Structures are given as C-alpha cells and as structure tokens.
Amino acid sequence: MAEFLKKAFKDMKESAKAQHEVDKANFAAAKAESKAQWEEAKAMGNPETAKKMMQEQRDAQIAEANERIAAAQKRIDDAKNK
C-alpha cells in the first residue's frame, strides 16, 4: 500500500510540473499576443502606418477577388465546352 501511495504522489508531482510548464507557455503566448496587439494599436496612431496597413488589406482583398473571378471564369468556360 505504501508503494502505491508513493507512486501515486510521484505521478501527481510529475503531472503538476508538466501542467506548470504548459501554463507558463500559455501565459508567455498570451503576453506576446497582447504586446503585439498593443504595438499594432500604437502604430495605428501614426497616420502613415495606418494608411500603409489599410492599403495592404485592400490589396489583399483585391487579389482574393481576382482569384475568385478567375475561378468563376474557368467554371463558365468549362460549362460552355461541355
């Protein structure tokens, strides 16, 4: 019985250590994400940076729309050739 308890407590200790490592990693990730959000918000205060970021978003949306147009045109061409 004593061996069982020793093993059980040893397992609990190892499990607690492992969970602590997971918690530390999750906390570090949340901290980094929070800092990134703060830096992005701070950068948006600069009009030039805000313009640049918005232009990049618009460019990405235009590229996505062009891909959708090309895919639709291919479907139209395929339907006409059948």
PDB file of N, CA and C in Angstrom:
ATOM      1  N   MET A   1       0.832  -1.187   0.000  1.00  0.00           N
ATOM      2  CA  MET A   1       0.000   0.000   0.000  1.00  0.00           C
ATOM      3  C   MET A   1       0.877   1.250   0.000  1.00  0.00           C
ATOM      4  N   ALA A   2       1.952   1.210   0.754  1.00  0.00           N
ATOM      5  CA  ALA A   2       2.830   2.374   0.833  1.00  0.00           C
ATOM      6  C   ALA A   2       3.475   2.657  -0.521  1.00  0.00           C
ATOM      7  N   GLU A   3       3.867   1.598  -1.232  1.00  0.00           N
ATOM      8  CA  GLU A   3       4.461   1.769  -2.562  1.00  0.00           C
ATOM      9  C   GLU A   3       3.458   2.411  -3.505  1.00  0.00           C
ATOM     10  N   PHE A   4       2.204   1.985  -3.417  1.00  0.00           N
ATOM     11  CA  PHE A   4       1.159   2.552  -4.269  1.00  0.00           C
ATOM     12  C   PHE A   4       1.016   4.043  -4.029  1.00  0.00           C
ATOM     13  N   LEU A   5       1.004   4.432  -2.761  1.00  0.00           N
ATOM     14  CA  LEU A   5       0.870   5.855  -2.438  1.00  0.00           C
ATOM     15  C   LEU A   5       2.086   6.658  -2.896  1.00  0.00           C
ATOM     16  N   LYS A   6       3.288   6.080  -2.706  1.00  0.00           N
ATOM     17  CA  LYS A   6       4.498   6.770  -3.162  1.00  0.00           C
ATOM     18  C   LYS A   6       4.435   7.006  -4.670  1.00  0.00           C
ATOM     19  N   LYS A   7       4.039   5.961  -5.401  1.00  0.00           N
ATOM     20  CA  LYS A   7       3.946   6.078  -6.852  1.00  0.00           C
ATOM     21  C   LYS A   7       2.867   7.085  -7.246  1.00  0.00           C
ATOM     22  N   ALA A   8       1.738   7.051  -6.561  1.00  0.00           N
ATOM     23  CA  ALA A   8       0.646   7.974  -6.869  1.00  0.00           C
ATOM     24  C   ALA A   8       1.078   9.421  -6.644  1.00  0.00           C
ATOM     25  N   PHE A   9       1.736   9.683  -5.528  1.00  0.00           N
ATOM     26  CA  PHE A   9       2.187  11.047  -5.239  1.00  0.00           C
ATOM     27  C   PHE A   9       3.287  11.485  -6.201  1.00  0.00           C
ATOM     28  N   LYS A  10       4.152  10.547  -6.589  1.00  0.00           N
ATOM     29  CA  LYS A  10       5.195  10.875  -7.557  1.00  0.00           C
ATOM     30  C   LYS A  10       4.554  11.240  -8.901  1.00  0.00           C
ATOM     31  N   ASP A  11       3.556  10.480  -9.322  1.00  0.00           N
ATOM     32  CA  ASP A  11       2.847  10.767 -10.567  1.00  0.00           C
ATOM     33  C   ASP A  11       2.153  12.123 -10.503  1.00  0.00           C
ATOM     34  N   MET A  12       1.538  12.420  -9.359  1.00  0.00           N
ATOM     35  CA  MET A  12       0.862  13.716  -9.205  1.00  0.00           C
ATOM     36  C   MET A  12       1.868  14.855  -9.285  1.00  0.00           C
ATOM     37  N   LYS A  13       3.041  14.658  -8.683  1.00  0.00           N
ATOM     38  CA  LYS A  13       4.077  15.687  -8.705  1.00  0.00           C
ATOM     39  C   LYS A  13       4.552  15.930 -10.130  1.00  0.00           C
ATOM     40  N   GLU A  14       4.792  14.858 -10.881  1.00  0.00           N
ATOM     41  CA  GLU A  14       5.233  14.991 -12.269  1.00  0.00           C
ATOM     42  C   GLU A  14       4.160  15.651 -13.124  1.00  0.00           C
ATOM     43  N   SER A  15       2.919  15.285 -12.876  1.00  0.00           N
ATOM     44  CA  SER A  15       1.805  15.865 -13.618  1.00  0.00           C
ATOM     45  C   SER A  15       1.685  17.365 -13.321  1.00  0.00           C
ATOM     46  N   ALA A  16       1.862  17.736 -12.066  1.00  0.00           N
ATOM     47  CA  ALA A  16       1.791  19.149 -11.690  1.00  0.00           C
ATOM     48  C   ALA A  16       2.917  19.941 -12.344  1.00  0.00           C
ATOM     49  N   LYS A  17       4.107  19.355 -12.399  1.00  0.00           N
ATOM     50  CA  LYS A  17       5.241  20.024 -13.060  1.00  0.00           C
ATOM     51  C   LYS A  17       4.949  20.226 -14.540  1.00  0.00           C
ATOM     52  N   ALA A  18       4.435  19.190 -15.182  1.00  0.00           N
ATOM     53  CA  ALA A  18       4.129  19.274 -16.610  1.00  0.00           C
ATOM     54  C   ALA A  18       3.046  20.319 -16.865  1.00  0.00           C
ATOM     55  N   GLN A  19       2.019  20.342 -16.020  1.00  0.00           N
ATOM     56  CA  GLN A  19       0.949  21.323 -16.178  1.00  0.00           C
ATOM     57  C   GLN A  19       1.478  22.731 -15.957  1.00  0.00           C
ATOM     58  N   HIS A  20       2.415  22.873 -15.041  1.00  0.00           N
ATOM     59  CA  HIS A  20       3.022  24.186 -14.785  1.00  0.00           C
ATOM     60  C   HIS A  20       3.763  24.682 -16.029  1.00  0.00           C
ATOM     61  N   GLU A  21       4.470  23.770 -16.702  1.00  0.00           N
ATOM     62  CA  GLU A  21       5.172  24.135 -17.933  1.00  0.00           C
ATOM     63  C   GLU A  21       4.181  24.573 -19.014  1.00  0.00           C
ATOM     64  N   VAL A  22       3.062  23.868 -19.120  1.00  0.00           N
ATOM     65  CA  VAL A  22       2.025  24.237 -20.079  1.00  0.00           C
ATOM     66  C   VAL A  22       1.469  25.619 -19.739  1.00  0.00           C
ATOM     67  N   ASP A  23       1.197  25.846 -18.464  1.00  0.00           N
ATOM     68  CA  ASP A  23       0.670  27.142 -18.031  1.00  0.00           C
ATOM     69  C   ASP A  23       1.651  28.266 -18.320  1.00  0.00           C
ATOM     70  N   LYS A  24       2.942  28.021 -18.080  1.00  0.00           N
ATOM     71  CA  LYS A  24       3.952  29.041 -18.368  1.00  0.00           C
ATOM     72  C   LYS A  24       3.994  29.366 -19.846  1.00  0.00           C
ATOM     73  N   ALA A  25       3.929  28.337 -20.683  1.00  0.00           N
ATOM     74  CA  ALA A  25       3.965  28.550 -22.130  1.00  0.00           C
ATOM     75  C   ALA A  25       2.728  29.311 -22.602  1.00  0.00           C
ATOM     76  N   ASN A  26       1.554  28.945 -22.084  1.00  0.00           N
ATOM     77  CA  ASN A  26       0.322  29.646 -22.456  1.00  0.00           C
ATOM     78  C   ASN A  26       0.359  31.100 -21.996  1.00  0.00           C
ATOM     79  N   PHE A  27       0.893  31.347 -20.812  1.00  0.00           N
ATOM     80  CA  PHE A  27       0.989  32.718 -20.312  1.00  0.00           C
ATOM     81  C   PHE A  27       1.938  33.541 -21.179  1.00  0.00           C
ATOM     82  N   ALA A  28       3.056  32.953 -21.561  1.00  0.00           N
ATOM     83  CA  ALA A  28       4.012  33.658 -22.415  1.00  0.00           C
ATOM     84  C   ALA A  28       3.394  33.969 -23.779  1.00  0.00           C
ATOM     85  N   ALA A  29       2.615  33.032 -24.320  1.00  0.00           N
ATOM     86  CA  ALA A  29       1.959  33.258 -25.606  1.00  0.00           C
ATOM     87  C   ALA A  29       0.928  34.371 -25.492  1.00  0.00           C
ATOM     88  N   ALA A  30       0.132  34.356 -24.430  1.00  0.00           N
ATOM     89  CA  ALA A  30      -0.875  35.395 -24.238  1.00  0.00           C
ATOM     90  C   ALA A  30      -0.212  36.760 -24.052  1.00  0.00           C
ATOM     91  N   LYS A  31       0.896  36.778 -23.336  1.00  0.00           N
ATOM     92  CA  LYS A  31       1.627  38.029 -23.114  1.00  0.00           C
ATOM     93  C   LYS A  31       2.169  38.570 -24.437  1.00  0.00           C
ATOM     94  N   ALA A  32       2.716  37.693 -25.274  1.00  0.00           N
ATOM     95  CA  ALA A  32       3.261  38.113 -26.566  1.00  0.00           C
ATOM     96  C   ALA A  32       2.149  38.617 -27.482  1.00  0.00           C
ATOM     97  N   GLU A  33       1.005  37.919 -27.481  1.00  0.00           N
ATOM     98  CA  GLU A  33      -0.122  38.364 -28.301  1.00  0.00           C
ATOM     99  C   GLU A  33      -0.632  39.720 -27.850  1.00  0.00           C
ATOM    100  N   SER A  34      -0.697  39.904 -26.550  1.00  0.00           N
ATOM    101  CA  SER A  34      -1.147  41.180 -26.002  1.00  0.00           C
ATOM    102  C   SER A  34      -0.206  42.313 -26.405  1.00  0.00           C
ATOM    103  N   LYS A  35       1.098  42.051 -26.324  1.00  0.00           N
ATOM    104  CA  LYS A  35       2.078  43.061 -26.721  1.00  0.00           C
ATOM    105  C   LYS A  35       1.957  43.379 -28.205  1.00  0.00           C
ATOM    106  N   ALA A  36       1.724  42.347 -29.025  1.00  0.00           N
ATOM    107  CA  ALA A  36       1.571  42.560 -30.469  1.00  0.00           C
ATOM    108  C   ALA A  36       0.342  43.420 -30.753  1.00  0.00           C
ATOM    109  N   GLN A  37      -0.753  43.145 -30.058  1.00  0.00           N
ATOM    110  CA  GLN A  37      -1.960  43.959 -30.235  1.00  0.00           C
ATOM    111  C   GLN A  37      -1.703  45.395 -29.820  1.00  0.00           C
ATOM    112  N   TRP A  38      -0.982  45.586 -28.735  1.00  0.00           N
ATOM    113  CA  TRP A  38      -0.673  46.928 -28.261  1.00  0.00           C
ATOM    114  C   TRP A  38       0.175  47.671 -29.285  1.00  0.00           C
ATOM    115  N   GLU A  39       1.196  47.003 -29.806  1.00  0.00           N
ATOM    116  CA  GLU A  39       2.072  47.635 -30.786  1.00  0.00           C
ATOM    117  C   GLU A  39       1.305  47.981 -32.066  1.00  0.00           C
ATOM    118  N   GLU A  40       0.400  47.094 -32.484  1.00  0.00           N
ATOM    119  CA  GLU A  40      -0.411  47.382 -33.660  1.00  0.00           C
ATOM    120  C   GLU A  40      -1.313  48.589 -33.418  1.00  0.00           C
ATOM    121  N   ALA A  41      -1.933  48.640 -32.252  1.00  0.00           N
ATOM    122  CA  ALA A  41      -2.806  49.768 -31.919  1.00  0.00           C
ATOM    123  C   ALA A  41      -2.007  51.063 -31.853  1.00  0.00           C
ATOM    124  N   LYS A  42      -0.809  50.978 -31.281  1.00  0.00           N
ATOM    125  CA  LYS A  42       0.050  52.153 -31.183  1.00  0.00           C
ATOM    126  C   LYS A  42       0.467  52.608 -32.579  1.00  0.00           C
ATOM    127  N   ALA A  43       0.756  51.664 -33.458  1.00  0.00           N
ATOM    128  CA  ALA A  43       1.164  52.008 -34.816  1.00  0.00           C
ATOM    129  C   ALA A  43       0.020  52.644 -35.596  1.00  0.00           C
ATOM    130  N   MET A  44      -1.202  52.266 -35.283  1.00  0.00           N
ATOM    131  CA  MET A  44      -2.349  52.837 -35.977  1.00  0.00           C
ATOM    132  C   MET A  44      -2.517  54.316 -35.636  1.00  0.00           C
ATOM    133  N   GLY A  45      -1.893  54.764 -34.570  1.00  0.00           N
ATOM    134  CA  GLY A  45      -1.939  56.178 -34.214  1.00  0.00           C
ATOM    135  C   GLY A  45      -1.137  57.028 -35.183  1.00  0.00           C
ATOM    136  N   ASN A  46      -0.186  56.429 -35.871  1.00  0.00           N
ATOM    137  CA  ASN A  46       0.611  57.126 -36.863  1.00  0.00           C
ATOM    138  C   ASN A  46      -0.140  57.049 -38.196  1.00  0.00           C
ATOM    139  N   PRO A  47      -0.541  58.196 -38.763  1.00  0.00           N
ATOM    140  CA  PRO A  47      -1.350  58.163 -39.984  1.00  0.00           C
ATOM    141  C   PRO A  47      -0.688  57.430 -41.148  1.00  0.00           C
ATOM    142  N   GLU A  48       0.612  57.569 -41.301  1.00  0.00           N
ATOM    143  CA  GLU A  48       1.296  56.894 -42.406  1.00  0.00           C
ATOM    144  C   GLU A  48       1.238  55.370 -42.242  1.00  0.00           C
ATOM    145  N   THR A  49       1.451  54.907 -41.043  1.00  0.00           N
ATOM    146  CA  THR A  49       1.399  53.466 -40.786  1.00  0.00           C
ATOM    147  C   THR A  49      -0.015  52.950 -40.989  1.00  0.00           C
ATOM    148  N   ALA A  50      -0.994  53.707 -40.512  1.00  0.00           N
ATOM    149  CA  ALA A  50      -2.389  53.298 -40.675  1.00  0.00           C
ATOM    150  C   ALA A  50      -2.748  53.211 -42.156  1.00  0.00           C
ATOM    151  N   LYS A  51      -2.330  54.182 -42.938  1.00  0.00           N
ATOM    152  CA  LYS A  51      -2.602  54.170 -44.378  1.00  0.00           C
ATOM    153  C   LYS A  51      -1.967  52.949 -45.034  1.00  0.00           C
ATOM    154  N   LYS A  52      -0.723  52.673 -44.669  1.00  0.00           N
ATOM    155  CA  LYS A  52       0.001  51.553 -45.248  1.00  0.00           C
ATOM    156  C   LYS A  52      -0.700  50.228 -44.921  1.00  0.00           C
ATOM    157  N   MET A  53      -1.115  50.056 -43.666  1.00  0.00           N
ATOM    158  CA  MET A  53      -1.781  48.822 -43.265  1.00  0.00           C
ATOM    159  C   MET A  53      -3.120  48.664 -43.989  1.00  0.00           C
ATOM    160  N   MET A  54      -3.867  49.752 -44.106  1.00  0.00           N
ATOM    161  CA  MET A  54      -5.152  49.678 -44.794  1.00  0.00           C
ATOM    162  C   MET A  54      -4.952  49.370 -46.281  1.00  0.00           C
ATOM    163  N   GLN A  55      -3.922  49.948 -46.885  1.00  0.00           N
ATOM    164  CA  GLN A  55      -3.643  49.673 -48.297  1.00  0.00           C
ATOM    165  C   GLN A  55      -3.269  48.211 -48.497  1.00  0.00           C
ATOM    166  N   GLU A  56      -2.491  47.652 -47.588  1.00  0.00           N
ATOM    167  CA  GLU A  56      -2.132  46.242 -47.674  1.00  0.00           C
ATOM    168  C   GLU A  56      -3.371  45.356 -47.584  1.00  0.00           C
ATOM    169  N   GLN A  57      -4.302  45.722 -46.701  1.00  0.00           N
ATOM    170  CA  GLN A  57      -5.543  44.963 -46.576  1.00  0.00           C
ATOM    171  C   GLN A  57      -6.359  45.055 -47.859  1.00  0.00           C
ATOM    172  N   ARG A  58      -6.451  46.252 -48.423  1.00  0.00           N
ATOM    173  CA  ARG A  58      -7.194  46.420 -49.666  1.00  0.00           C
ATOM    174  C   ARG A  58      -6.553  45.626 -50.800  1.00  0.00           C
ATOM    175  N   ASP A  59      -5.223  45.657 -50.883  1.00  0.00           N
ATOM    176  CA  ASP A  59      -4.522  44.904 -51.918  1.00  0.00           C
ATOM    177  C   ASP A  59      -4.803  43.405 -51.785  1.00  0.00           C
ATOM    178  N   ALA A  60      -4.807  42.919 -50.558  1.00  0.00           N
ATOM    179  CA  ALA A  60      -5.091  41.503 -50.324  1.00  0.00           C
ATOM    180  C   ALA A  60      -6.520  41.171 -50.739  1.00  0.00           C
ATOM    181  N   GLN A  61      -7.470  42.056 -50.446  1.00  0.00           N
ATOM    182  CA  GLN A  61      -8.856  41.822 -50.822  1.00  0.00           C
ATOM    183  C   GLN A  61      -9.020  41.836 -52.343  1.00  0.00           C
ATOM    184  N   ILE A  62      -8.320  42.744 -53.018  1.00  0.00           N
ATOM    185  CA  ILE A  62      -8.375  42.805 -54.481  1.00  0.00           C
ATOM    186  C   ILE A  62      -7.805  41.528 -55.083  1.00  0.00           C
ATOM    187  N   ALA A  63      -6.689  41.053 -54.555  1.00  0.00           N
ATOM    188  CA  ALA A  63      -6.081  39.819 -55.054  1.00  0.00           C
ATOM    189  C   ALA A  63      -7.034  38.637 -54.866  1.00  0.00           C
ATOM    190  N   GLU A  64      -7.679  38.571 -53.713  1.00  0.00           N
ATOM    191  CA  GLU A  64      -8.635  37.493 -53.453  1.00  0.00           C
ATOM    192  C   GLU A  64      -9.811  37.575 -54.428  1.00  0.00           C
ATOM    193  N   ALA A  65     -10.319  38.780 -54.672  1.00  0.00           N
ATOM    194  CA  ALA A  65     -11.435  38.956 -55.604  1.00  0.00           C
ATOM    195  C   ALA A  65     -11.023  38.538 -57.012  1.00  0.00           C
ATOM    196  N   ASN A  66      -9.811  38.879 -57.412  1.00  0.00           N
ATOM    197  CA  ASN A  66      -9.333  38.495 -58.741  1.00  0.00           C
ATOM    198  C   ASN A  66      -9.225  36.978 -58.873  1.00  0.00           C
ATOM    199  N   GLU A  67      -8.805  36.305 -57.815  1.00  0.00           N
ATOM    200  CA  GLU A  67      -8.738  34.842 -57.837  1.00  0.00           C
ATOM    201  C   GLU A  67     -10.134  34.249 -57.981  1.00  0.00           C
ATOM    202  N   ARG A  68     -11.101  34.826 -57.283  1.00  0.00           N
ATOM    203  CA  ARG A  68     -12.478  34.343 -57.378  1.00  0.00           C
ATOM    204  C   ARG A  68     -13.031  34.562 -58.780  1.00  0.00           C
ATOM    205  N   ILE A  69     -12.699  35.712 -59.385  1.00  0.00           N
ATOM    206  CA  ILE A  69     -13.152  35.997 -60.745  1.00  0.00           C
ATOM    207  C   ILE A  69     -12.563  34.976 -61.711  1.00  0.00           C
ATOM    208  N   ALA A  70     -11.277  34.694 -61.572  1.00  0.00           N
ATOM    209  CA  ALA A  70     -10.616  33.729 -62.454  1.00  0.00           C
ATOM    210  C   ALA A  70     -11.238  32.340 -62.296  1.00  0.00           C
ATOM    211  N   ALA A  71     -11.525  31.943 -61.060  1.00  0.00           N
ATOM    212  CA  ALA A  71     -12.133  30.637 -60.819  1.00  0.00           C
ATOM    213  C   ALA A  71     -13.533  30.582 -61.431  1.00  0.00           C
ATOM    214  N   ALA A  72     -14.298  31.657 -61.292  1.00  0.00           N
ATOM    215  CA  ALA A  72     -15.641  31.698 -61.868  1.00  0.00           C
ATOM    216  C   ALA A  72     -15.570  31.647 -63.393  1.00  0.00           C
ATOM    217  N   GLN A  73     -14.632  32.364 -63.970  1.00  0.00           N
ATOM    218  CA  GLN A  73     -14.483  32.358 -65.422  1.00  0.00           C
ATOM    219  C   GLN A  73     -14.113  30.964 -65.930  1.00  0.00           C
ATOM    220  N   LYS A  74     -13.271  30.267 -65.184  1.00  0.00           N
ATOM    221  CA  LYS A  74     -12.905  28.898 -65.565  1.00  0.00           C
ATOM    222  C   LYS A  74     -14.128  28.006 -65.523  1.00  0.00           C
ATOM    223  N   ARG A  75     -14.951  28.154 -64.499  1.00  0.00           N
ATOM    224  CA  ARG A  75     -16.174  27.354 -64.414  1.00  0.00           C
ATOM    225  C   ARG A  75     -17.109  27.664 -65.573  1.00  0.00           C
ATOM    226  N   ILE A  76     -17.190  28.947 -65.954  1.00  0.00           N
ATOM    227  CA  ILE A  76     -18.046  29.327 -67.079  1.00  0.00           C
ATOM    228  C   ILE A  76     -17.530  28.687 -68.366  1.00  0.00           C
ATOM    229  N   ASP A  77     -16.205  28.779 -68.592  1.00  0.00           N
ATOM    230  CA  ASP A  77     -15.616  28.201 -69.793  1.00  0.00           C
ATOM    231  C   ASP A  77     -15.816  26.682 -69.830  1.00  0.00           C
ATOM    232  N   ASP A  78     -15.644  26.025 -68.672  1.00  0.00           N
ATOM    233  CA  ASP A  78     -15.832  24.586 -68.616  1.00  0.00           C
ATOM    234  C   ASP A  78     -17.289  24.207 -68.920  1.00  0.00           C
ATOM    235  N   ALA A  79     -18.225  25.013 -68.416  1.00  0.00           N
ATOM    236  CA  ALA A  79     -19.639  24.730 -68.648  1.00  0.00           C
ATOM    237  C   ALA A  79     -20.001  24.924 -70.122  1.00  0.00           C
ATOM    238  N   LYS A  80     -19.410  25.896 -70.785  1.00  0.00           N
ATOM    239  CA  LYS A  80     -19.699  26.152 -72.191  1.00  0.00           C
ATOM    240  C   LYS A  80     -19.111  25.075 -73.082  1.00  0.00           C
ATOM    241  N   ASN A  81     -17.997  24.472 -72.673  1.00  0.00           N
ATOM    242  CA  ASN A  81     -17.324  23.461 -73.501  1.00  0.00           C
ATOM    243  C   ASN A  81     -17.943  22.074 -73.365  1.00  0.00           C
ATOM    244  N   LYS A  82     -18.844  21.884 -72.468  1.00  0.00           N
ATOM    245  CA  LYS A  82     -19.436  20.549 -72.258  1.00  0.00           C
ATOM    246  C   LYS A  82     -20.529  20.282 -73.248  1.00  0.00           C
TER     247      LYS A  82
END
